[in-house]
Amino acid sequence: MPFKVIFNNETKTYDHPVTVLDIVGDSKDIICAYVNKRVRELTYTIDKDSEIIPLTSKDRDAKPAYEASLRFLVAMAMHNIYPELKIRFSYNVSRSIFMQIMSEKITSNGNMVKELEAEMKRLVEKDLPMVRNIVSKEDAAKILKKEGFEDKVEILQYRPEKTAHIYTCDGYKNYMYNRMVPSTGYIKNWKIKFYHPGIIIQYPRPEAGGIIPPFEDAPTFGKTLKRAHQWAKDTGCDTIVGINKRFEKDGDIDFITLCEQRHNRQLCELGQMIEDDRENIRLICIAGPSSSGKTTFANRLRIELLSRGINPIRISMDDYYLPRDLAPKDENGEPDLESVEALDIELFNQNMADLIAGMEVQLPKFDFKLGHRVPGRILKVPTDQPIIIEGIHALNEVMTQSVPSHQKFKIFIAPQAQVNIDNHNPLSLTDLRLLRRIVRDYQFRNASAIDTMSMWASVRKGEFKWIYKTQEGANYVFNSFSSYELSVMKKYAMPLLEVIDIESPYFPVAERLIRMLKFFDDMPDKWVPCNSIIREFIGGSCYEEA
């Protein structure tokens, strides 16, 4: 039966099935495409009326396919030149992929980088087909075991579907849990460099306009990720399989307590650092990206300091928003509330300086219903009482330039998960926070998952511009991730994601999040403590009225 295909505002009629590739042509800039608003591989077969929109490295929904294909290419190249070595991918500094050899005796080096780069270029130039095959889980297990991928065999037991995908390229077989490009010739844009003890792989970023951003080292962030990975490895929670087995072996009470104790230990470390310098510290600044758990953390830090005889007070930076008509505008002419210039910088600096000097200060209170500030509490702070400020711009020097550096203690908070589906497929830190926010917004703001997703790009843009660069100036980075949290949040998030219609422009995001969550065992939230950071998102926090 004839069908029509719309592409580039032209409509053509076909009387036989065609692939997306047949329609869009052989441009290697096109990574995948929307077919009737759903992301599809270029090899996808069309046999009904369809509209095709090509996606390139500039498009957010094309990034997962390109990145997964790049990891496949790296893994294949390493297999060709060092077949005896097992490798692991994770996310690292400068929004890059980090490849590390899984051996204590062998590490990457400059010569290895040169060999890897040469082999990757060779594979790209040969433009080898990457063919997807759908097989039963049993057959997939046999194939993956033969290839030496025991970690991939293990995760199959948690896959709810009866089938699995295997990609084959020039005899090499692997699976990256994502859509892929048709051939190695499409994976032409990347950079690699030695970064002890592994190799950094950079790739085009949609938030950078589809180019590879310049490499920016971030020692503080890097150390935090290393610490997170070590803890995950020591507790067997560095993979989804490990997390599920820990839950199955220890039970929910012990597993939850184990993870919460890690947060308690970090809070203890922080409390000791602040206590040791209590004579100097007057301002404790807490910042982090969206859905990091800042509110719960600030309350728990306050309790930790109280237990040490330190009596801090909290001041919200949100009360210093300018009236909406004075807020800076974004490129669409809308108020840009992510900008530091949306806050009354001068008033905040003046209030902090006066409070630290022992003066009585009338604080503002922002009335979000009225859209402007009203008079708040009158405050006078003793010299031995530090002030806790919390907000996305709390570590920005412009907000506290009136306070000497030695009187400030800066804390950056974010969930720094170092968890993999398998050795070749790390979980996204950003997707973790998006899941947190989807659940929280539904629980407390009556917002749908689509409502949250629709504003996420703007939130992320603000984070890249204003927040991430402040991490490197922090005195302490608090990792708010809990290894059990996705197992608990699964029952809250899945129903919100599964109702998103296949025709929705946000279906690709929902589909990606579901693919991640489906591997986790369901864990009841009965034993999650009321002061847990996770309660900030699922509800039941003892700080909800704080």
Protein backbone atom coordinates (compact mmCIF):
# COMPACT_ATOMS: atom_id res chain seq x y z
CA MET A 1 0.00 0.00 0.00
CA PRO A 2 1.49 3.38 -0.99
CA PHE A 3 2.56 5.77 1.80
CA LYS A 4 3.88 9.32 1.98
CA VAL A 5 7.09 10.61 3.57
CA ILE A 6 7.64 14.30 4.37
CA PHE A 7 11.27 15.45 4.49
CA ASN A 8 12.65 18.97 4.07
CA ASN A 9 9.13 20.26 3.34
CA GLU A 10 8.83 17.88 0.39
CA THR A 11 6.42 14.95 0.18
CA LYS A 12 7.24 11.78 -1.69
CA THR A 13 5.13 8.68 -2.21
CA TYR A 14 6.59 5.16 -1.92
CA ASP A 15 5.08 1.78 -2.69
CA HIS A 16 7.75 -0.24 -0.86
CA PRO A 17 9.48 0.02 2.55
CA VAL A 18 12.40 2.47 2.76
CA THR A 19 14.94 3.31 5.45
CA VAL A 20 15.52 6.72 6.96
CA LEU A 21 18.92 6.61 5.30
CA ASP A 22 17.24 6.22 1.89
CA ILE A 23 15.38 9.47 2.54
CA VAL A 24 17.99 11.72 4.18
CA GLY A 25 20.93 10.70 2.02
CA ASP A 26 24.50 9.83 2.93
CA SER A 27 25.47 12.99 4.84
CA LYS A 28 27.68 11.89 7.74
CA ASP A 29 26.53 14.96 9.70
CA ILE A 30 23.12 13.41 10.30
CA ILE A 31 23.34 11.10 13.32
CA CYS A 32 19.73 9.93 13.68
CA ALA A 33 16.28 11.37 13.03
CA TYR A 34 12.82 12.02 14.36
CA VAL A 35 10.35 9.76 12.61
CA ASN A 36 6.88 10.95 13.53
CA LYS A 37 8.48 12.72 16.54
CA ARG A 38 10.25 9.59 17.82
CA VAL A 39 14.04 9.25 17.66
CA ARG A 40 15.04 6.50 15.24
CA GLU A 41 18.27 5.12 13.85
CA LEU A 42 19.06 5.92 10.25
CA THR A 43 18.62 2.24 9.41
CA TYR A 44 15.02 2.28 10.68
CA THR A 45 12.53 0.99 8.12
CA ILE A 46 9.53 3.14 7.16
CA ASP A 47 6.39 1.56 5.71
CA LYS A 48 3.66 4.08 6.57
CA ASP A 49 2.97 7.82 6.35
CA SER A 50 5.82 9.57 8.14
CA GLU A 51 7.52 12.88 8.74
CA ILE A 52 11.30 12.85 9.07
CA ILE A 53 13.38 15.51 10.84
CA PRO A 54 17.15 14.90 10.74
CA LEU A 55 19.21 15.29 13.93
CA THR A 56 22.84 16.39 14.06
CA SER A 57 25.38 16.97 16.81
CA LYS A 58 23.66 20.29 17.51
CA ASP A 59 20.52 18.48 18.66
CA ARG A 60 20.12 17.31 22.24
CA ASP A 61 18.29 14.09 21.31
CA ALA A 62 21.11 13.06 18.98
CA LYS A 63 23.80 13.19 21.67
CA PRO A 64 23.06 9.78 23.28
CA ALA A 65 23.31 7.99 19.93
CA TYR A 66 26.60 9.66 18.98
CA GLU A 67 28.15 9.15 22.39
CA ALA A 68 27.12 5.47 22.54
CA SER A 69 28.51 4.93 19.04
CA LEU A 70 31.76 6.60 20.06
CA ARG A 71 32.12 4.32 23.08
CA PHE A 72 31.50 1.36 20.77
CA LEU A 73 34.25 2.64 18.45
CA VAL A 74 36.73 3.07 21.32
CA ALA A 75 35.91 -0.36 22.75
CA MET A 76 36.32 -1.94 19.32
CA ALA A 77 39.62 -0.18 18.67
CA MET A 78 40.97 -1.24 22.08
CA HIS A 79 39.85 -4.81 21.40
CA ASN A 80 41.74 -4.77 18.10
CA ILE A 81 45.03 -3.50 19.52
CA TYR A 82 44.88 -4.87 23.09
CA PRO A 83 42.42 -7.80 23.06
CA GLU A 84 43.59 -9.02 26.46
CA LEU A 85 42.67 -5.78 28.28
CA LYS A 86 39.28 -5.01 29.81
CA ILE A 87 38.25 -1.34 29.92
CA ARG A 88 35.66 0.71 31.77
CA PHE A 89 34.00 3.97 30.73
CA SER A 90 32.80 6.68 33.09
CA TYR A 91 32.02 10.39 32.91
CA ASN A 92 34.69 12.84 33.93
CA VAL A 93 35.90 16.43 33.81
CA SER A 94 35.13 18.77 30.92
CA ARG A 95 31.94 16.86 30.04
CA SER A 96 34.01 14.00 28.64
CA ILE A 97 34.19 10.22 28.67
CA PHE A 98 36.95 8.63 30.72
CA MET A 99 38.38 5.25 29.71
CA GLN A 100 40.37 3.30 32.27
CA ILE A 101 42.00 -0.12 32.05
CA MET A 102 40.61 -2.54 34.62
CA SER A 103 43.95 -3.77 35.87
CA GLU A 104 46.04 -2.68 38.83
CA LYS A 105 49.22 -3.63 36.98
CA ILE A 106 48.57 -1.85 33.68
CA THR A 107 47.68 1.82 33.14
CA SER A 108 47.25 3.96 30.08
CA ASN A 109 50.20 5.88 28.68
CA GLY A 110 51.12 8.21 25.86
CA ASN A 111 52.00 5.41 23.43
CA MET A 112 48.66 3.72 24.05
CA VAL A 113 46.85 6.97 23.23
CA LYS A 114 48.72 7.19 19.90
CA GLU A 115 47.90 3.58 19.03
CA LEU A 116 44.25 3.99 20.02
CA GLU A 117 43.88 7.21 18.04
CA ALA A 118 45.44 5.62 14.95
CA GLU A 119 43.15 2.57 15.14
CA MET A 120 40.05 4.71 15.68
CA LYS A 121 40.92 6.81 12.63
CA ARG A 122 41.48 3.66 10.61
CA LEU A 123 38.06 2.29 11.56
CA VAL A 124 36.36 5.60 10.77
CA GLU A 125 38.04 5.80 7.35
CA LYS A 126 36.93 2.25 6.50
CA ASP A 127 33.32 3.29 7.18
CA LEU A 128 32.41 -0.17 8.47
CA PRO A 129 28.69 -1.01 8.87
CA MET A 130 27.38 -1.29 12.43
CA VAL A 131 24.56 -3.80 12.16
CA ARG A 132 21.89 -4.33 14.81
CA ASN A 133 20.44 -7.78 15.42
CA ILE A 134 17.56 -8.62 17.76
CA VAL A 135 18.13 -11.91 19.59
CA SER A 136 16.67 -13.72 22.58
CA LYS A 137 18.16 -12.96 25.97
CA GLU A 138 19.49 -16.52 26.06
CA ASP A 139 21.28 -16.09 22.74
CA ALA A 140 22.52 -12.66 23.78
CA ALA A 141 24.04 -14.18 26.90
CA LYS A 142 25.86 -16.80 24.83
CA ILE A 143 27.20 -14.18 22.41
CA LEU A 144 28.34 -11.79 25.15
CA LYS A 145 29.93 -14.58 27.18
CA LYS A 146 31.88 -15.69 24.13
CA GLU A 147 33.11 -12.09 23.68
CA GLY A 148 34.29 -12.05 27.30
CA PHE A 149 31.66 -9.58 28.51
CA GLU A 150 30.66 -11.29 31.76
CA ASP A 151 29.39 -7.96 33.14
CA LYS A 152 26.95 -7.65 30.24
CA VAL A 153 25.76 -11.22 30.78
CA GLU A 154 25.01 -10.43 34.44
CA ILE A 155 22.82 -7.40 33.71
CA LEU A 156 20.68 -9.41 31.29
CA GLN A 157 18.97 -11.14 34.21
CA TYR A 158 17.45 -7.79 35.21
CA ARG A 159 16.30 -6.91 31.71
CA PRO A 160 12.49 -7.23 31.65
CA GLU A 161 12.24 -7.83 27.89
CA LYS A 162 12.64 -11.31 26.39
CA THR A 163 14.95 -10.05 23.66
CA ALA A 164 18.12 -7.98 23.48
CA HIS A 165 20.09 -6.13 20.81
CA ILE A 166 23.58 -6.99 19.65
CA TYR A 167 25.56 -4.74 17.30
CA THR A 168 28.15 -6.28 15.01
CA CYS A 169 30.92 -4.40 13.21
CA ASP A 170 33.60 -6.22 11.22
CA GLY A 171 33.18 -9.28 13.46
CA TYR A 172 33.24 -7.29 16.72
CA LYS A 173 30.08 -7.61 18.85
CA ASN A 174 28.85 -5.32 21.64
CA TYR A 175 25.76 -3.53 22.94
CA MET A 176 25.55 0.03 24.30
CA TYR A 177 21.87 0.21 25.36
CA ASN A 178 21.20 2.96 22.88
CA ARG A 179 20.57 3.80 19.26
CA MET A 180 23.66 3.86 17.07
CA VAL A 181 24.89 5.38 13.84
CA PRO A 182 24.86 3.15 10.71
CA SER A 183 28.62 2.88 10.30
CA THR A 184 31.96 3.92 11.76
CA GLY A 185 32.28 6.69 9.17
CA TYR A 186 29.74 8.75 11.10
CA ILE A 187 31.92 8.86 14.23
CA LYS A 188 34.34 11.34 12.79
CA ASN A 189 34.43 14.09 15.41
CA TRP A 190 36.27 13.36 18.67
CA LYS A 191 39.45 14.10 20.56
CA ILE A 192 41.42 11.87 22.90
CA LYS A 193 44.21 12.66 25.35
CA PHE A 194 46.15 10.95 28.11
CA TYR A 195 44.75 11.81 31.53
CA HIS A 196 46.36 9.67 34.22
CA PRO A 197 45.48 6.93 34.94
CA GLY A 198 43.25 6.71 31.84
CA ILE A 199 42.28 8.40 28.62
CA ILE A 200 39.89 11.30 28.11
CA ILE A 201 37.57 11.17 25.09
CA GLN A 202 35.79 14.36 24.06
CA TYR A 203 32.91 14.61 21.63
CA PRO A 204 30.54 17.25 20.19
CA ARG A 205 28.13 18.80 22.72
CA PRO A 206 24.72 20.23 21.77
CA GLU A 207 25.00 22.89 24.49
CA ALA A 208 28.21 24.03 22.75
CA GLY A 209 26.52 24.32 19.36
CA GLY A 210 27.54 20.88 18.15
CA ILE A 211 31.29 21.38 18.54
CA ILE A 212 33.81 19.88 20.94
CA PRO A 213 34.32 22.45 23.72
CA PRO A 214 37.89 23.24 24.79
CA PHE A 215 39.20 20.87 27.46
CA GLU A 216 38.99 22.39 30.92
CA ASP A 217 40.64 20.57 33.78
CA ALA A 218 38.74 20.50 37.06
CA PRO A 219 40.90 18.98 39.82
CA THR A 220 38.31 19.37 42.57
CA PHE A 221 35.58 17.73 40.49
CA GLY A 222 37.99 15.00 39.39
CA LYS A 223 38.95 14.17 42.99
CA THR A 224 35.28 14.00 43.94
CA LEU A 225 34.55 11.52 41.16
CA LYS A 226 37.57 9.43 42.14
CA ARG A 227 36.39 9.34 45.74
CA ALA A 228 32.87 8.43 44.64
CA HIS A 229 34.14 5.61 42.46
CA GLN A 230 36.33 4.22 45.23
CA TRP A 231 33.42 4.10 47.68
CA ALA A 232 31.15 2.50 45.09
CA LYS A 233 33.82 -0.09 44.27
CA ASP A 234 34.55 -0.85 47.93
CA THR A 235 30.86 -1.45 48.68
CA GLY A 236 30.12 -3.31 45.43
CA CYS A 237 27.79 -0.54 44.27
CA ASP A 238 29.65 0.57 41.15
CA THR A 239 27.20 -1.26 38.85
CA ILE A 240 23.44 -1.79 38.76
CA VAL A 241 24.04 -5.51 39.23
CA GLY A 242 26.11 -4.76 42.31
CA ILE A 243 23.41 -2.50 43.73
CA ASN A 244 20.69 -5.08 43.10
CA LYS A 245 22.77 -7.87 44.65
CA ARG A 246 23.59 -5.72 47.68
CA PHE A 247 19.88 -5.10 48.21
CA GLU A 248 19.05 -8.78 47.70
CA LYS A 249 21.81 -9.89 50.11
CA ASP A 250 21.61 -7.26 52.87
CA GLY A 251 17.94 -6.25 52.70
CA ASP A 252 16.56 -2.74 52.49
CA ILE A 253 17.28 -1.66 56.09
CA ASP A 254 20.99 -2.46 56.04
CA PHE A 255 21.51 -1.16 52.50
CA ILE A 256 19.74 2.14 53.16
CA THR A 257 21.61 2.56 56.46
CA LEU A 258 24.93 1.86 54.73
CA CYS A 259 24.33 4.63 52.20
CA GLU A 260 23.00 7.10 54.77
CA GLN A 261 26.04 6.50 56.93
CA ARG A 262 28.18 7.71 54.07
CA HIS A 263 26.34 11.04 54.14
CA ASN A 264 26.72 11.13 57.93
CA ARG A 265 30.46 10.64 57.56
CA GLN A 266 30.72 13.50 55.06
CA LEU A 267 28.74 15.74 57.41
CA CYS A 268 31.08 14.78 60.24
CA GLU A 269 34.10 15.68 58.11
CA LEU A 270 32.54 19.02 57.25
CA GLY A 271 31.64 19.75 60.86
CA GLN A 272 35.20 19.08 61.97
CA MET A 273 36.67 21.32 59.25
CA ILE A 274 34.37 24.19 60.22
CA GLU A 275 34.93 23.65 63.96
CA ASP A 276 38.70 23.71 63.47
CA ASP A 277 38.44 27.17 61.87
CA ARG A 278 35.44 28.50 63.77
CA GLU A 279 37.31 31.65 64.85
CA ASN A 280 37.56 32.79 61.23
CA ILE A 281 34.51 31.37 59.45
CA ARG A 282 31.53 33.75 59.39
CA LEU A 283 29.86 32.75 56.14
CA ILE A 284 29.11 29.15 55.09
CA CYS A 285 28.15 29.15 51.41
CA ILE A 286 26.26 26.21 49.87
CA ALA A 287 25.65 25.90 46.13
CA GLY A 288 25.02 23.22 43.56
CA PRO A 289 23.00 22.41 40.44
CA SER A 290 19.26 21.74 40.42
CA SER A 291 18.00 18.79 42.50
CA SER A 292 21.24 18.30 44.40
CA GLY A 293 19.50 18.23 47.78
CA LYS A 294 20.68 21.66 48.96
CA THR A 295 17.76 22.33 51.31
CA THR A 296 17.98 19.06 53.25
CA PHE A 297 21.76 19.28 53.31
CA ALA A 298 21.71 22.81 54.74
CA ASN A 299 19.38 21.67 57.52
CA ARG A 300 21.50 18.64 58.34
CA LEU A 301 24.69 20.71 58.35
CA ARG A 302 23.03 23.11 60.78
CA ILE A 303 22.27 20.19 63.14
CA GLU A 304 25.82 18.86 62.77
CA LEU A 305 27.22 22.26 63.77
CA LEU A 306 24.77 22.57 66.67
CA SER A 307 26.13 19.28 68.01
CA ARG A 308 29.56 20.94 68.09
CA GLY A 309 28.38 23.98 70.01
CA ILE A 310 28.17 26.14 66.88
CA ASN A 311 24.82 27.89 66.40
CA PRO A 312 24.47 28.94 62.74
CA ILE A 313 21.57 30.83 61.20
CA ARG A 314 20.25 30.38 57.65
CA ILE A 315 19.55 33.09 55.11
CA SER A 316 17.94 32.30 51.78
CA MET A 317 19.38 33.97 48.72
CA ASP A 318 15.97 33.60 47.06
CA ASP A 319 14.78 36.53 49.17
CA TYR A 320 17.13 38.80 47.24
CA TYR A 321 15.51 38.39 43.83
CA LEU A 322 14.88 41.63 42.02
CA PRO A 323 11.26 42.47 41.15
CA ARG A 324 10.28 40.52 38.05
CA ASP A 325 10.09 43.62 35.88
CA LEU A 326 13.74 44.40 36.72
CA ALA A 327 15.06 40.87 36.17
CA PRO A 328 17.44 40.37 33.21
CA LYS A 329 15.90 38.90 30.08
CA ASP A 330 16.99 35.78 28.24
CA GLU A 331 17.25 35.44 24.45
CA ASN A 332 13.48 34.90 24.28
CA GLY A 333 12.67 38.05 26.22
CA GLU A 334 11.61 36.09 29.31
CA PRO A 335 12.88 36.81 32.86
CA ASP A 336 16.17 34.94 33.33
CA LEU A 337 15.92 33.77 36.93
CA GLU A 338 19.03 31.59 36.55
CA SER A 339 21.24 34.66 36.11
CA VAL A 340 23.18 36.06 39.05
CA GLU A 341 22.00 39.46 37.87
CA ALA A 342 18.44 38.45 38.81
CA LEU A 343 19.53 38.98 42.42
CA ASP A 344 20.11 42.28 44.22
CA ILE A 345 23.87 41.84 44.46
CA GLU A 346 24.53 45.17 46.13
CA LEU A 347 21.92 44.69 48.86
CA PHE A 348 23.05 41.12 49.61
CA ASN A 349 26.68 42.18 49.96
CA GLN A 350 25.71 45.08 52.18
CA ASN A 351 23.51 42.91 54.43
CA MET A 352 26.22 40.24 54.81
CA ALA A 353 28.90 42.83 55.63
CA ASP A 354 26.65 44.57 58.18
CA LEU A 355 25.65 41.29 59.87
CA ILE A 356 29.26 40.15 60.17
CA ALA A 357 30.15 43.56 61.61
CA GLY A 358 27.56 42.99 64.36
CA MET A 359 24.97 45.43 63.10
CA GLU A 360 21.21 44.94 63.24
CA VAL A 361 19.80 44.35 59.75
CA GLN A 362 16.30 44.34 58.26
CA LEU A 363 16.34 41.36 55.87
CA PRO A 364 14.12 41.23 52.79
CA LYS A 365 11.52 38.54 52.10
CA PHE A 366 10.62 37.79 48.50
CA ASP A 367 6.90 37.28 47.98
CA PHE A 368 6.67 35.00 44.95
CA LYS A 369 2.93 35.64 44.59
CA LEU A 370 3.41 39.42 44.45
CA GLY A 371 6.63 39.17 42.44
CA HIS A 372 8.63 41.54 44.64
CA ARG A 373 10.31 41.85 48.04
CA VAL A 374 8.59 42.75 51.30
CA PRO A 375 10.17 43.45 54.73
CA GLY A 376 11.48 40.29 56.43
CA ARG A 377 12.93 39.51 59.84
CA ILE A 378 15.21 41.84 61.76
CA LEU A 379 18.46 40.13 62.61
CA LYS A 380 21.61 40.71 64.61
CA VAL A 381 24.27 38.00 64.58
CA PRO A 382 26.77 37.39 67.42
CA THR A 383 30.41 37.17 66.37
CA ASP A 384 30.55 33.44 67.19
CA GLN A 385 27.50 32.60 65.06
CA PRO A 386 28.19 31.76 61.38
CA ILE A 387 25.67 32.47 58.65
CA ILE A 388 24.62 29.71 56.23
CA ILE A 389 23.62 30.95 52.80
CA GLU A 390 22.22 28.55 50.23
CA GLY A 391 21.44 29.09 46.57
CA ILE A 392 22.68 28.42 43.06
CA HIS A 393 24.92 31.51 43.22
CA ALA A 394 26.18 31.10 46.80
CA LEU A 395 29.75 30.32 45.62
CA ASN A 396 29.85 33.17 43.12
CA GLU A 397 32.40 35.67 44.41
CA VAL A 398 30.35 38.61 43.18
CA MET A 399 27.66 37.77 45.75
CA THR A 400 30.04 37.84 48.72
CA GLN A 401 32.79 40.19 47.61
CA SER A 402 32.29 42.29 50.75
CA VAL A 403 33.37 39.34 52.92
CA PRO A 404 37.10 38.46 53.15
CA SER A 405 38.01 35.05 51.70
CA HIS A 406 39.30 33.66 55.00
CA GLN A 407 35.87 34.28 56.56
CA LYS A 408 34.06 32.14 53.97
CA PHE A 409 33.72 28.37 53.83
CA LYS A 410 32.42 27.20 50.46
CA ILE A 411 30.54 23.93 49.94
CA PHE A 412 29.51 22.54 46.56
CA ILE A 413 26.84 19.83 46.62
CA ALA A 414 25.80 17.51 43.78
CA PRO A 415 25.02 13.81 43.26
CA GLN A 416 28.27 12.39 41.90
CA ALA A 417 27.19 8.88 40.93
CA GLN A 418 29.84 6.53 39.60
CA VAL A 419 27.52 3.70 38.60
CA ASN A 420 27.53 1.70 35.36
CA ILE A 421 25.00 -0.52 33.64
CA ASP A 422 28.08 -2.47 32.61
CA ASN A 423 31.74 -1.58 32.05
CA HIS A 424 31.01 0.17 28.74
CA ASN A 425 27.84 2.04 29.78
CA PRO A 426 27.97 4.59 32.62
CA LEU A 427 24.84 6.18 34.07
CA SER A 428 24.37 9.88 33.34
CA LEU A 429 24.77 12.25 36.29
CA THR A 430 22.42 14.69 34.57
CA ASP A 431 19.69 12.09 34.04
CA LEU A 432 19.90 11.24 37.74
CA ARG A 433 19.17 14.84 38.70
CA LEU A 434 16.42 15.09 36.09
CA LEU A 435 14.72 12.04 37.63
CA ARG A 436 14.99 13.60 41.07
CA ARG A 437 13.41 16.80 39.83
CA ILE A 438 10.61 15.02 37.93
CA VAL A 439 9.63 13.17 41.09
CA ARG A 440 9.93 16.23 43.33
CA ASP A 441 8.04 18.56 41.01
CA TYR A 442 5.16 16.10 40.82
CA GLN A 443 5.12 15.51 44.58
CA PHE A 444 5.29 19.14 45.65
CA ARG A 445 4.40 21.36 42.68
CA ASN A 446 1.72 19.29 40.94
CA ALA A 447 3.85 19.41 37.79
CA SER A 448 3.93 16.65 35.19
CA ALA A 449 7.11 15.07 33.91
CA ILE A 450 6.61 17.02 30.68
CA ASP A 451 6.41 20.29 32.65
CA THR A 452 9.77 19.52 34.22
CA MET A 453 11.37 18.33 30.99
CA SER A 454 10.22 21.44 29.12
CA MET A 455 12.25 23.71 31.40
CA TRP A 456 15.25 21.41 31.84
CA ALA A 457 17.22 22.81 28.89
CA SER A 458 16.96 26.31 30.38
CA VAL A 459 18.01 25.01 33.80
CA ARG A 460 21.01 23.24 32.28
CA LYS A 461 22.02 26.33 30.36
CA GLY A 462 22.07 28.31 33.58
CA GLU A 463 24.11 25.63 35.32
CA PHE A 464 26.81 25.66 32.65
CA LYS A 465 26.95 29.45 32.72
CA TRP A 466 26.79 30.13 36.43
CA ILE A 467 27.26 27.09 38.65
CA TYR A 468 29.75 24.44 37.52
CA LYS A 469 32.75 26.72 37.32
CA THR A 470 32.31 27.71 40.99
CA GLN A 471 32.93 24.11 42.11
CA GLU A 472 36.68 24.49 41.72
CA GLY A 473 36.76 27.19 44.39
CA ALA A 474 34.96 25.06 46.98
CA ASN A 475 36.50 24.07 50.31
CA TYR A 476 34.46 20.86 50.28
CA VAL A 477 32.38 18.95 47.72
CA PHE A 478 29.48 17.00 49.24
CA ASN A 479 28.35 13.99 47.20
CA SER A 480 24.58 13.75 47.73
CA PHE A 481 24.10 10.52 45.74
CA SER A 482 22.81 7.43 47.53
CA SER A 483 23.36 4.07 45.88
CA TYR A 484 19.84 2.93 46.79
CA GLU A 485 17.99 6.01 45.54
CA LEU A 486 17.11 4.90 42.01
CA SER A 487 15.73 1.63 43.40
CA VAL A 488 13.45 3.67 45.66
CA MET A 489 12.55 6.38 43.15
CA LYS A 490 11.71 3.87 40.42
CA LYS A 491 8.14 3.38 41.65
CA TYR A 492 7.62 7.17 41.76
CA ALA A 493 9.21 7.97 38.41
CA MET A 494 8.08 5.13 36.14
CA PRO A 495 4.33 5.98 36.17
CA LEU A 496 5.14 9.63 35.39
CA LEU A 497 7.32 8.63 32.44
CA GLU A 498 5.15 5.84 31.06
CA VAL A 499 2.14 8.13 30.50
CA ILE A 500 4.10 10.36 28.10
CA ASP A 501 2.60 9.82 24.69
CA ILE A 502 4.75 8.50 21.89
CA GLU A 503 3.81 11.60 19.87
CA SER A 504 5.19 13.93 22.54
CA PRO A 505 8.48 15.73 21.77
CA TYR A 506 9.58 14.63 25.25
CA PHE A 507 9.01 10.93 24.58
CA PRO A 508 12.71 10.36 23.65
CA VAL A 509 13.77 11.67 27.07
CA ALA A 510 11.17 9.56 28.87
CA GLU A 511 12.23 6.51 26.87
CA ARG A 512 15.88 7.06 27.82
CA LEU A 513 15.07 7.40 31.53
CA ILE A 514 12.86 4.29 31.47
CA ARG A 515 15.67 2.31 29.83
CA MET A 516 17.89 3.22 32.78
CA LEU A 517 15.37 2.62 35.58
CA LYS A 518 14.07 -0.72 34.34
CA PHE A 519 17.21 -2.58 35.42
CA PHE A 520 16.90 -1.61 39.11
CA ASP A 521 15.12 -3.83 41.61
CA ASP A 522 12.16 -2.09 43.28
CA MET A 523 12.94 -1.07 46.84
CA PRO A 524 10.28 0.10 49.34
CA ASP A 525 10.86 3.52 50.90
CA LYS A 526 9.57 2.54 54.35
CA TRP A 527 13.01 2.66 55.94
CA VAL A 528 14.34 5.80 54.24
CA PRO A 529 15.03 8.17 57.18
CA CYS A 530 12.92 11.31 57.46
CA ASN A 531 16.08 13.45 57.31
CA SER A 532 17.47 11.71 54.23
CA ILE A 533 18.28 13.83 51.20
CA ILE A 534 16.14 11.41 49.17
CA ARG A 535 13.08 12.50 51.20
CA GLU A 536 13.44 15.96 49.65
CA PHE A 537 12.28 14.39 46.38
CA ILE A 538 9.92 11.55 47.30
CA GLY A 539 8.28 13.31 50.26
CA GLY A 540 8.10 12.57 53.97
CA SER A 541 10.99 14.83 54.96
CA CYS A 542 11.06 16.18 58.49
CA TYR A 543 12.36 19.43 56.96
CA GLU A 544 9.43 20.05 54.62
CA GLU A 545 8.15 22.86 56.84
CA ALA A 546 11.63 24.13 57.69
